[in-house]
Amino acid sequence: MGMRYLIAGMVLLIGLAGAEQVTTHDFFRITQTVSRSAATPGAWRYTIAPRTAEARRYWNVIVDSWRRTLTIGLGVKLGAFEVVSTEKGLHLFPYCQQVHPGCFTKPPLSGDLQGWKLELVLLDLHNNLDAALADAKKHAKPYPATVTLSRFLRLTVHHDGRIEVARSGWKP
């Protein structure tokens, strides 16, 4: 009996090891634009924003909590990255190599918002951020590309792979 569970567990782990993106429910969308301004013609911009009213309700709770967290000097875990506030500004560091629900700073929920759905929202955020950053790295020449998380962060991706982080739509 014990051997059967061990084999089943190993099969499950092998199956999970091959997984790349986590299936979610399309809570977010990426809007992609190319600059036409004289100063930065051809610079790519990506905006990640909630797609539905339900996603906006979760995103509002998440953003409010994450803003407070950064304001008091704590880090915010965004799946594959962690954003840390220092005296010199915000910095982005690698965090989880294999992204799962434990790789996020989770806000307290109230009302009818559910924890299991919050995890899906956060995983979808990761999938969209990962896709936008990968594309931004390809298009960061000759001008940096920017990836904006609606009402929270702006990530500037340079041609050499550096990523600068700044607040977007709020001040501490």
N, C-alpha and C. Protein backbone atom coordinates (compact mmCIF):
# COMPACT_ATOMS: atom_id res chain seq x y z
N MET A 1 0.83 -1.20 0.00
CA MET A 1 0.00 0.00 0.00
C MET A 1 0.87 1.26 0.00
N GLY A 2 1.90 1.30 0.88
CA GLY A 2 2.79 2.45 0.96
C GLY A 2 3.56 2.65 -0.33
N MET A 3 3.97 1.56 -0.98
CA MET A 3 4.72 1.63 -2.22
C MET A 3 3.86 2.24 -3.33
N ARG A 4 2.56 1.94 -3.32
CA ARG A 4 1.64 2.48 -4.32
C ARG A 4 1.59 4.00 -4.22
N TYR A 5 1.52 4.54 -2.98
CA TYR A 5 1.49 5.98 -2.78
C TYR A 5 2.81 6.62 -3.20
N LEU A 6 3.91 5.96 -2.92
CA LEU A 6 5.22 6.47 -3.30
C LEU A 6 5.33 6.57 -4.82
N ILE A 7 4.91 5.54 -5.53
CA ILE A 7 4.95 5.55 -6.99
C ILE A 7 4.03 6.62 -7.55
N ALA A 8 2.82 6.73 -7.00
CA ALA A 8 1.87 7.76 -7.46
C ALA A 8 2.45 9.15 -7.23
N GLY A 9 3.09 9.35 -6.09
CA GLY A 9 3.71 10.65 -5.79
C GLY A 9 4.83 10.97 -6.74
N MET A 10 5.64 9.97 -7.08
CA MET A 10 6.74 10.19 -8.02
C MET A 10 6.22 10.53 -9.41
N VAL A 11 5.16 9.86 -9.86
CA VAL A 11 4.56 10.15 -11.15
C VAL A 11 4.02 11.58 -11.17
N LEU A 12 3.39 11.99 -10.09
CA LEU A 12 2.86 13.35 -10.00
C LEU A 12 3.99 14.37 -10.07
N LEU A 13 5.07 14.14 -9.32
CA LEU A 13 6.20 15.06 -9.34
C LEU A 13 6.85 15.14 -10.71
N ILE A 14 7.00 14.01 -11.39
CA ILE A 14 7.58 14.02 -12.73
C ILE A 14 6.69 14.80 -13.69
N GLY A 15 5.40 14.64 -13.57
CA GLY A 15 4.46 15.39 -14.41
C GLY A 15 4.53 16.88 -14.15
N LEU A 16 4.66 17.27 -12.88
CA LEU A 16 4.73 18.68 -12.54
C LEU A 16 6.05 19.30 -12.97
N ALA A 17 7.12 18.53 -12.96
CA ALA A 17 8.43 19.05 -13.33
C ALA A 17 8.47 19.50 -14.78
N GLY A 18 7.65 18.90 -15.64
CA GLY A 18 7.63 19.27 -17.04
C GLY A 18 6.75 20.46 -17.35
N ALA A 19 5.98 20.92 -16.38
CA ALA A 19 5.06 22.03 -16.60
C ALA A 19 5.83 23.33 -16.71
N GLU A 20 5.40 24.19 -17.64
CA GLU A 20 6.05 25.48 -17.78
C GLU A 20 5.16 26.58 -17.24
N GLN A 21 4.13 26.95 -17.97
CA GLN A 21 3.22 27.98 -17.48
C GLN A 21 2.07 27.32 -16.75
N VAL A 22 1.62 27.98 -15.70
CA VAL A 22 0.51 27.47 -14.92
C VAL A 22 -0.78 27.92 -15.59
N THR A 23 -1.73 27.01 -15.75
CA THR A 23 -2.99 27.36 -16.38
C THR A 23 -3.82 28.22 -15.42
N THR A 24 -4.27 29.34 -15.92
CA THR A 24 -5.10 30.24 -15.11
C THR A 24 -6.34 30.59 -15.92
N HIS A 25 -7.03 31.61 -15.50
CA HIS A 25 -8.30 31.93 -16.13
C HIS A 25 -8.33 33.28 -16.84
N ASP A 26 -7.19 33.73 -17.33
CA ASP A 26 -7.12 34.99 -18.08
C ASP A 26 -7.70 36.17 -17.31
N PHE A 27 -7.22 36.37 -16.10
CA PHE A 27 -7.66 37.51 -15.30
C PHE A 27 -7.04 38.81 -15.80
N PHE A 28 -5.85 38.72 -16.43
CA PHE A 28 -5.13 39.92 -16.88
C PHE A 28 -4.98 39.92 -18.40
N ARG A 29 -4.71 41.10 -18.92
CA ARG A 29 -4.41 41.23 -20.35
C ARG A 29 -3.16 42.11 -20.49
N ILE A 30 -2.46 41.90 -21.57
CA ILE A 30 -1.30 42.72 -21.90
C ILE A 30 -1.67 43.60 -23.08
N THR A 31 -1.50 44.90 -22.92
CA THR A 31 -1.69 45.83 -24.03
C THR A 31 -0.30 46.25 -24.48
N GLN A 32 -0.06 46.14 -25.76
CA GLN A 32 1.26 46.41 -26.31
C GLN A 32 1.17 47.59 -27.27
N THR A 33 2.04 48.59 -27.09
CA THR A 33 2.06 49.74 -27.99
C THR A 33 3.51 50.06 -28.36
N VAL A 34 3.66 50.78 -29.46
CA VAL A 34 4.98 51.23 -29.89
C VAL A 34 4.94 52.75 -29.96
N SER A 35 5.94 53.39 -29.36
CA SER A 35 5.99 54.85 -29.29
C SER A 35 6.15 55.46 -30.68
N ARG A 36 5.46 56.57 -30.88
CA ARG A 36 5.60 57.33 -32.12
C ARG A 36 6.18 58.72 -31.83
N SER A 37 6.59 58.94 -30.58
CA SER A 37 7.12 60.25 -30.22
C SER A 37 8.47 60.48 -30.88
N ALA A 38 8.81 61.73 -31.09
CA ALA A 38 10.08 62.08 -31.74
C ALA A 38 11.27 61.69 -30.87
N ALA A 39 11.10 61.72 -29.55
CA ALA A 39 12.20 61.44 -28.64
C ALA A 39 12.57 59.95 -28.60
N THR A 40 11.57 59.08 -28.66
CA THR A 40 11.83 57.63 -28.56
C THR A 40 11.01 56.86 -29.60
N PRO A 41 11.23 57.11 -30.88
CA PRO A 41 10.44 56.39 -31.89
C PRO A 41 10.74 54.89 -31.85
N GLY A 42 9.70 54.10 -31.83
CA GLY A 42 9.87 52.66 -31.85
C GLY A 42 10.05 52.01 -30.48
N ALA A 43 10.00 52.78 -29.39
CA ALA A 43 10.13 52.18 -28.05
C ALA A 43 8.86 51.40 -27.73
N TRP A 44 9.05 50.18 -27.23
CA TRP A 44 7.93 49.30 -26.94
C TRP A 44 7.44 49.52 -25.52
N ARG A 45 6.11 49.49 -25.36
CA ARG A 45 5.49 49.64 -24.05
C ARG A 45 4.44 48.54 -23.88
N TYR A 46 4.43 47.97 -22.67
CA TYR A 46 3.48 46.91 -22.33
C TYR A 46 2.76 47.33 -21.05
N THR A 47 1.46 47.15 -21.02
CA THR A 47 0.70 47.42 -19.81
C THR A 47 -0.07 46.16 -19.45
N ILE A 48 0.08 45.75 -18.19
CA ILE A 48 -0.65 44.58 -17.68
C ILE A 48 -1.73 45.11 -16.76
N ALA A 49 -2.98 44.77 -17.09
CA ALA A 49 -4.11 45.28 -16.33
C ALA A 49 -5.17 44.18 -16.20
N PRO A 50 -6.02 44.29 -15.18
CA PRO A 50 -7.09 43.29 -15.02
C PRO A 50 -8.03 43.33 -16.21
N ARG A 51 -8.52 42.16 -16.60
CA ARG A 51 -9.38 42.02 -17.77
C ARG A 51 -10.87 42.15 -17.41
N THR A 52 -11.27 41.68 -16.24
CA THR A 52 -12.70 41.62 -15.87
C THR A 52 -12.97 42.40 -14.59
N ALA A 53 -14.23 42.63 -14.31
CA ALA A 53 -14.62 43.31 -13.06
C ALA A 53 -14.16 42.50 -11.85
N GLU A 54 -14.30 41.19 -11.93
CA GLU A 54 -13.86 40.34 -10.81
C GLU A 54 -12.35 40.47 -10.61
N ALA A 55 -11.59 40.44 -11.69
CA ALA A 55 -10.14 40.59 -11.59
C ALA A 55 -9.77 41.95 -11.02
N ARG A 56 -10.51 43.01 -11.38
CA ARG A 56 -10.24 44.35 -10.84
C ARG A 56 -10.47 44.38 -9.33
N ARG A 57 -11.48 43.67 -8.84
CA ARG A 57 -11.73 43.64 -7.39
C ARG A 57 -10.54 43.01 -6.66
N TYR A 58 -10.04 41.90 -7.18
CA TYR A 58 -8.87 41.27 -6.57
C TYR A 58 -7.63 42.17 -6.72
N TRP A 59 -7.44 42.74 -7.91
CA TRP A 59 -6.28 43.59 -8.16
C TRP A 59 -6.26 44.81 -7.24
N ASN A 60 -7.41 45.42 -7.00
CA ASN A 60 -7.47 46.58 -6.09
C ASN A 60 -6.99 46.20 -4.69
N VAL A 61 -7.42 45.05 -4.20
CA VAL A 61 -6.99 44.58 -2.87
C VAL A 61 -5.49 44.30 -2.88
N ILE A 62 -5.02 43.63 -3.92
CA ILE A 62 -3.60 43.29 -4.03
C ILE A 62 -2.75 44.55 -4.07
N VAL A 63 -3.08 45.48 -4.95
CA VAL A 63 -2.29 46.70 -5.12
C VAL A 63 -2.27 47.52 -3.84
N ASP A 64 -3.42 47.70 -3.20
CA ASP A 64 -3.46 48.47 -1.95
C ASP A 64 -2.54 47.85 -0.90
N SER A 65 -2.58 46.55 -0.77
CA SER A 65 -1.74 45.85 0.20
C SER A 65 -0.26 45.96 -0.17
N TRP A 66 0.06 45.74 -1.43
CA TRP A 66 1.46 45.79 -1.86
C TRP A 66 2.04 47.20 -1.74
N ARG A 67 1.24 48.22 -2.01
CA ARG A 67 1.72 49.60 -1.84
C ARG A 67 2.07 49.85 -0.37
N ARG A 68 1.17 49.43 0.53
CA ARG A 68 1.43 49.61 1.98
C ARG A 68 2.70 48.85 2.39
N THR A 69 2.86 47.65 1.87
CA THR A 69 4.02 46.83 2.20
C THR A 69 5.32 47.52 1.79
N LEU A 70 5.36 48.05 0.57
CA LEU A 70 6.56 48.75 0.11
C LEU A 70 6.79 50.04 0.89
N THR A 71 5.71 50.73 1.22
CA THR A 71 5.82 52.00 1.94
C THR A 71 6.46 51.82 3.31
N ILE A 72 6.18 50.70 3.98
CA ILE A 72 6.77 50.49 5.31
C ILE A 72 8.13 49.80 5.23
N GLY A 73 8.64 49.61 4.01
CA GLY A 73 9.99 49.11 3.84
C GLY A 73 10.14 47.61 3.71
N LEU A 74 9.05 46.90 3.50
CA LEU A 74 9.12 45.45 3.31
C LEU A 74 9.12 45.12 1.82
N GLY A 75 9.54 43.92 1.48
CA GLY A 75 9.56 43.49 0.09
C GLY A 75 8.22 42.91 -0.33
N VAL A 76 7.98 42.94 -1.62
CA VAL A 76 6.77 42.36 -2.21
C VAL A 76 7.20 41.26 -3.16
N LYS A 77 6.68 40.07 -2.92
CA LYS A 77 7.02 38.91 -3.74
C LYS A 77 6.03 38.80 -4.90
N LEU A 78 6.57 38.81 -6.11
CA LEU A 78 5.76 38.79 -7.34
C LEU A 78 5.93 37.50 -8.12
N GLY A 79 6.17 36.40 -7.45
CA GLY A 79 6.38 35.14 -8.16
C GLY A 79 7.86 34.94 -8.43
N ALA A 80 8.29 35.19 -9.66
CA ALA A 80 9.69 35.01 -10.04
C ALA A 80 10.59 36.13 -9.53
N PHE A 81 9.99 37.21 -9.04
CA PHE A 81 10.76 38.37 -8.58
C PHE A 81 10.28 38.84 -7.22
N GLU A 82 11.16 39.60 -6.57
CA GLU A 82 10.79 40.31 -5.35
C GLU A 82 11.18 41.76 -5.54
N VAL A 83 10.28 42.67 -5.21
CA VAL A 83 10.54 44.10 -5.27
C VAL A 83 10.84 44.55 -3.85
N VAL A 84 11.99 45.24 -3.69
CA VAL A 84 12.42 45.69 -2.37
C VAL A 84 12.60 47.20 -2.41
N SER A 85 12.10 47.87 -1.39
CA SER A 85 12.22 49.32 -1.28
C SER A 85 13.45 49.65 -0.43
N THR A 86 14.34 50.50 -0.98
CA THR A 86 15.51 50.95 -0.24
C THR A 86 15.53 52.48 -0.25
N GLU A 87 16.54 53.04 0.41
CA GLU A 87 16.68 54.51 0.41
C GLU A 87 16.88 55.05 -0.99
N LYS A 88 17.45 54.24 -1.88
CA LYS A 88 17.74 54.68 -3.24
C LYS A 88 16.63 54.34 -4.22
N GLY A 89 15.51 53.82 -3.74
CA GLY A 89 14.39 53.50 -4.62
C GLY A 89 14.03 52.03 -4.57
N LEU A 90 13.31 51.60 -5.59
CA LEU A 90 12.87 50.21 -5.67
C LEU A 90 13.86 49.38 -6.48
N HIS A 91 14.03 48.13 -6.07
CA HIS A 91 14.93 47.22 -6.76
C HIS A 91 14.22 45.88 -6.98
N LEU A 92 14.55 45.24 -8.09
CA LEU A 92 13.96 43.97 -8.47
C LEU A 92 15.02 42.87 -8.33
N PHE A 93 14.68 41.81 -7.60
CA PHE A 93 15.59 40.69 -7.40
C PHE A 93 14.90 39.40 -7.82
N PRO A 94 15.68 38.42 -8.30
CA PRO A 94 15.09 37.10 -8.60
C PRO A 94 14.54 36.49 -7.31
N TYR A 95 13.44 35.74 -7.42
CA TYR A 95 12.88 35.13 -6.22
C TYR A 95 12.62 33.64 -6.42
N CYS A 96 11.51 33.25 -7.00
CA CYS A 96 11.19 31.83 -7.18
C CYS A 96 11.54 31.38 -8.60
N GLN A 97 12.29 30.29 -8.69
CA GLN A 97 12.58 29.74 -10.01
C GLN A 97 11.40 28.94 -10.54
N GLN A 98 10.74 28.20 -9.66
CA GLN A 98 9.53 27.45 -10.00
C GLN A 98 8.37 28.15 -9.31
N VAL A 99 7.63 28.95 -10.04
CA VAL A 99 6.59 29.79 -9.43
C VAL A 99 5.39 28.94 -9.02
N HIS A 100 4.93 29.18 -7.80
CA HIS A 100 3.76 28.52 -7.22
C HIS A 100 3.09 29.53 -6.30
N PRO A 101 1.92 29.26 -5.77
CA PRO A 101 1.19 30.25 -4.95
C PRO A 101 1.98 30.77 -3.74
N GLY A 102 2.92 30.00 -3.21
CA GLY A 102 3.72 30.46 -2.07
C GLY A 102 4.76 31.50 -2.43
N CYS A 103 4.91 31.81 -3.71
CA CYS A 103 5.92 32.77 -4.18
C CYS A 103 5.40 34.21 -4.23
N PHE A 104 4.26 34.46 -3.63
CA PHE A 104 3.65 35.79 -3.69
C PHE A 104 3.38 36.34 -2.31
N THR A 105 3.44 37.65 -2.17
CA THR A 105 2.98 38.32 -0.96
C THR A 105 1.46 38.40 -1.10
N LYS A 106 0.76 37.70 -0.24
CA LYS A 106 -0.70 37.64 -0.35
C LYS A 106 -1.35 38.65 0.60
N PRO A 107 -2.29 39.42 0.08
CA PRO A 107 -3.00 40.39 0.93
C PRO A 107 -4.07 39.71 1.76
N PRO A 108 -4.45 40.34 2.86
CA PRO A 108 -5.61 39.81 3.60
C PRO A 108 -6.87 40.03 2.76
N LEU A 109 -7.75 39.06 2.77
CA LEU A 109 -8.99 39.14 1.98
C LEU A 109 -10.18 39.38 2.90
N SER A 110 -11.15 40.08 2.36
CA SER A 110 -12.39 40.30 3.11
C SER A 110 -13.57 40.13 2.16
N GLY A 111 -14.74 40.12 2.72
CA GLY A 111 -15.95 39.99 1.90
C GLY A 111 -16.01 38.65 1.20
N ASP A 112 -16.41 38.69 -0.07
CA ASP A 112 -16.60 37.45 -0.81
C ASP A 112 -15.38 37.04 -1.65
N LEU A 113 -14.23 37.69 -1.43
CA LEU A 113 -13.03 37.30 -2.15
C LEU A 113 -12.48 36.01 -1.55
N GLN A 114 -12.08 35.09 -2.43
CA GLN A 114 -11.69 33.76 -1.97
C GLN A 114 -10.20 33.52 -2.19
N GLY A 115 -9.57 32.84 -1.22
CA GLY A 115 -8.14 32.58 -1.27
C GLY A 115 -7.71 31.76 -2.47
N TRP A 116 -8.48 30.73 -2.82
CA TRP A 116 -8.09 29.89 -3.96
C TRP A 116 -8.13 30.67 -5.27
N LYS A 117 -9.07 31.62 -5.37
CA LYS A 117 -9.16 32.42 -6.60
C LYS A 117 -8.05 33.48 -6.62
N LEU A 118 -7.70 34.01 -5.43
CA LEU A 118 -6.57 34.94 -5.34
C LEU A 118 -5.31 34.28 -5.89
N GLU A 119 -5.10 33.01 -5.56
CA GLU A 119 -3.93 32.30 -6.06
C GLU A 119 -3.95 32.20 -7.58
N LEU A 120 -5.12 31.97 -8.17
CA LEU A 120 -5.22 31.94 -9.64
C LEU A 120 -4.91 33.31 -10.24
N VAL A 121 -5.41 34.37 -9.60
CA VAL A 121 -5.16 35.73 -10.07
C VAL A 121 -3.65 36.02 -10.03
N LEU A 122 -2.99 35.65 -8.93
CA LEU A 122 -1.56 35.90 -8.80
C LEU A 122 -0.75 35.09 -9.81
N LEU A 123 -1.13 33.85 -10.05
CA LEU A 123 -0.44 33.04 -11.04
C LEU A 123 -0.63 33.59 -12.45
N ASP A 124 -1.82 34.10 -12.73
CA ASP A 124 -2.07 34.72 -14.03
C ASP A 124 -1.24 36.00 -14.17
N LEU A 125 -1.13 36.77 -13.09
CA LEU A 125 -0.27 37.96 -13.10
C LEU A 125 1.16 37.55 -13.45
N HIS A 126 1.66 36.50 -12.80
CA HIS A 126 3.01 36.02 -13.10
C HIS A 126 3.15 35.65 -14.57
N ASN A 127 2.20 34.90 -15.11
CA ASN A 127 2.28 34.47 -16.51
C ASN A 127 2.34 35.67 -17.45
N ASN A 128 1.53 36.68 -17.17
CA ASN A 128 1.52 37.87 -18.02
C ASN A 128 2.79 38.70 -17.86
N LEU A 129 3.27 38.85 -16.62
CA LEU A 129 4.49 39.59 -16.38
C LEU A 129 5.67 38.89 -17.05
N ASP A 130 5.73 37.58 -16.94
CA ASP A 130 6.79 36.79 -17.56
C ASP A 130 6.77 36.97 -19.08
N ALA A 131 5.60 36.90 -19.68
CA ALA A 131 5.48 37.06 -21.14
C ALA A 131 5.86 38.47 -21.57
N ALA A 132 5.40 39.48 -20.84
CA ALA A 132 5.70 40.87 -21.20
C ALA A 132 7.19 41.17 -21.06
N LEU A 133 7.81 40.68 -19.99
CA LEU A 133 9.25 40.91 -19.81
C LEU A 133 10.07 40.20 -20.88
N ALA A 134 9.68 38.99 -21.23
CA ALA A 134 10.41 38.26 -22.28
C ALA A 134 10.34 39.01 -23.61
N ASP A 135 9.16 39.53 -23.95
CA ASP A 135 9.01 40.27 -25.19
C ASP A 135 9.74 41.61 -25.11
N ALA A 136 9.67 42.27 -23.95
CA ALA A 136 10.35 43.56 -23.76
C ALA A 136 11.86 43.40 -23.93
N LYS A 137 12.42 42.30 -23.46
CA LYS A 137 13.86 42.07 -23.62
C LYS A 137 14.25 41.96 -25.09
N LYS A 138 13.37 41.41 -25.91
CA LYS A 138 13.63 41.30 -27.35
C LYS A 138 13.57 42.66 -28.04
N HIS A 139 12.73 43.56 -27.52
CA HIS A 139 12.48 44.84 -28.20
C HIS A 139 13.12 46.04 -27.48
N ALA A 140 14.08 45.81 -26.62
CA ALA A 140 14.68 46.90 -25.84
C ALA A 140 15.81 47.59 -26.60
N LYS A 141 15.77 47.62 -27.90
CA LYS A 141 16.79 48.29 -28.70
C LYS A 141 16.11 49.13 -29.75
N PRO A 142 16.51 50.31 -30.06
CA PRO A 142 17.58 51.09 -29.45
C PRO A 142 17.16 51.76 -28.15
N TYR A 143 15.85 51.79 -27.89
CA TYR A 143 15.35 52.44 -26.67
C TYR A 143 14.86 51.39 -25.69
N PRO A 144 14.94 51.68 -24.40
CA PRO A 144 14.42 50.71 -23.42
C PRO A 144 12.93 50.46 -23.62
N ALA A 145 12.48 49.27 -23.29
CA ALA A 145 11.06 48.92 -23.31
C ALA A 145 10.54 49.05 -21.88
N THR A 146 9.25 49.36 -21.75
CA THR A 146 8.68 49.46 -20.41
C THR A 146 7.51 48.50 -20.26
N VAL A 147 7.43 47.93 -19.05
CA VAL A 147 6.33 47.05 -18.69
C VAL A 147 5.68 47.68 -17.46
N THR A 148 4.40 48.01 -17.56
CA THR A 148 3.69 48.65 -16.45
C THR A 148 2.66 47.70 -15.87
N LEU A 149 2.74 47.50 -14.56
CA LEU A 149 1.68 46.80 -13.83
C LEU A 149 0.72 47.89 -13.38
N SER A 150 -0.46 47.88 -13.91
CA SER A 150 -1.45 48.94 -13.70
C SER A 150 -1.52 49.41 -12.25
N ARG A 151 -1.32 50.72 -12.06
CA ARG A 151 -1.43 51.39 -10.76
C ARG A 151 -0.43 50.91 -9.71
N PHE A 152 0.65 50.22 -10.16
CA PHE A 152 1.59 49.70 -9.17
C PHE A 152 3.05 49.95 -9.54
N LEU A 153 3.56 49.32 -10.59
CA LEU A 153 4.98 49.43 -10.93
C LEU A 153 5.19 49.65 -12.42
N ARG A 154 6.32 50.32 -12.72
CA ARG A 154 6.79 50.44 -14.09
C ARG A 154 8.19 49.84 -14.13
N LEU A 155 8.38 48.85 -14.98
CA LEU A 155 9.67 48.17 -15.13
C LEU A 155 10.27 48.61 -16.45
N THR A 156 11.46 49.21 -16.41
CA THR A 156 12.14 49.64 -17.62
C THR A 156 13.21 48.62 -17.95
N VAL A 157 13.07 48.00 -19.10
CA VAL A 157 13.97 46.94 -19.54
C VAL A 157 14.96 47.53 -20.54
N HIS A 158 16.26 47.47 -20.20
CA HIS A 158 17.31 48.02 -21.04
C HIS A 158 17.88 46.93 -21.96
N HIS A 159 18.55 47.36 -23.03
CA HIS A 159 19.09 46.41 -24.01
C HIS A 159 20.12 45.45 -23.41
N ASP A 160 20.78 45.84 -22.31
CA ASP A 160 21.77 44.97 -21.68
C ASP A 160 21.16 44.02 -20.64
N GLY A 161 19.81 44.03 -20.54
CA GLY A 161 19.12 43.13 -19.62
C GLY A 161 18.79 43.72 -18.26
N ARG A 162 19.35 44.90 -17.95
CA ARG A 162 19.01 45.54 -16.67
C ARG A 162 17.53 45.90 -16.64
N ILE A 163 16.96 45.81 -15.45
CA ILE A 163 15.56 46.20 -15.27
C ILE A 163 15.50 47.20 -14.12
N GLU A 164 15.04 48.40 -14.41
CA GLU A 164 14.85 49.43 -13.39
C GLU A 164 13.38 49.41 -12.98
N VAL A 165 13.13 49.64 -11.69
CA VAL A 165 11.76 49.60 -11.16
C VAL A 165 11.40 50.96 -10.59
N ALA A 166 10.18 51.41 -10.87
CA ALA A 166 9.66 52.65 -10.31
C ALA A 166 8.18 52.49 -10.00
N ARG A 167 7.69 53.32 -9.11
CA ARG A 167 6.26 53.31 -8.81
C ARG A 167 5.50 53.83 -10.02
N SER A 168 4.29 53.35 -10.18
CA SER A 168 3.44 53.82 -11.27
C SER A 168 2.06 54.14 -10.71
N GLY A 169 1.71 55.42 -10.71
CA GLY A 169 0.37 55.82 -10.29
C GLY A 169 0.18 56.01 -8.80
N TRP A 170 1.27 56.09 -8.03
CA TRP A 170 1.13 56.28 -6.58
C TRP A 170 2.46 56.78 -5.99
N LYS A 171 2.34 57.42 -4.84
CA LYS A 171 3.51 57.89 -4.09
C LYS A 171 3.37 57.37 -2.66
N PRO A 172 4.51 57.12 -2.02
CA PRO A 172 4.43 56.61 -0.63
C PRO A 172 3.91 57.66 0.34
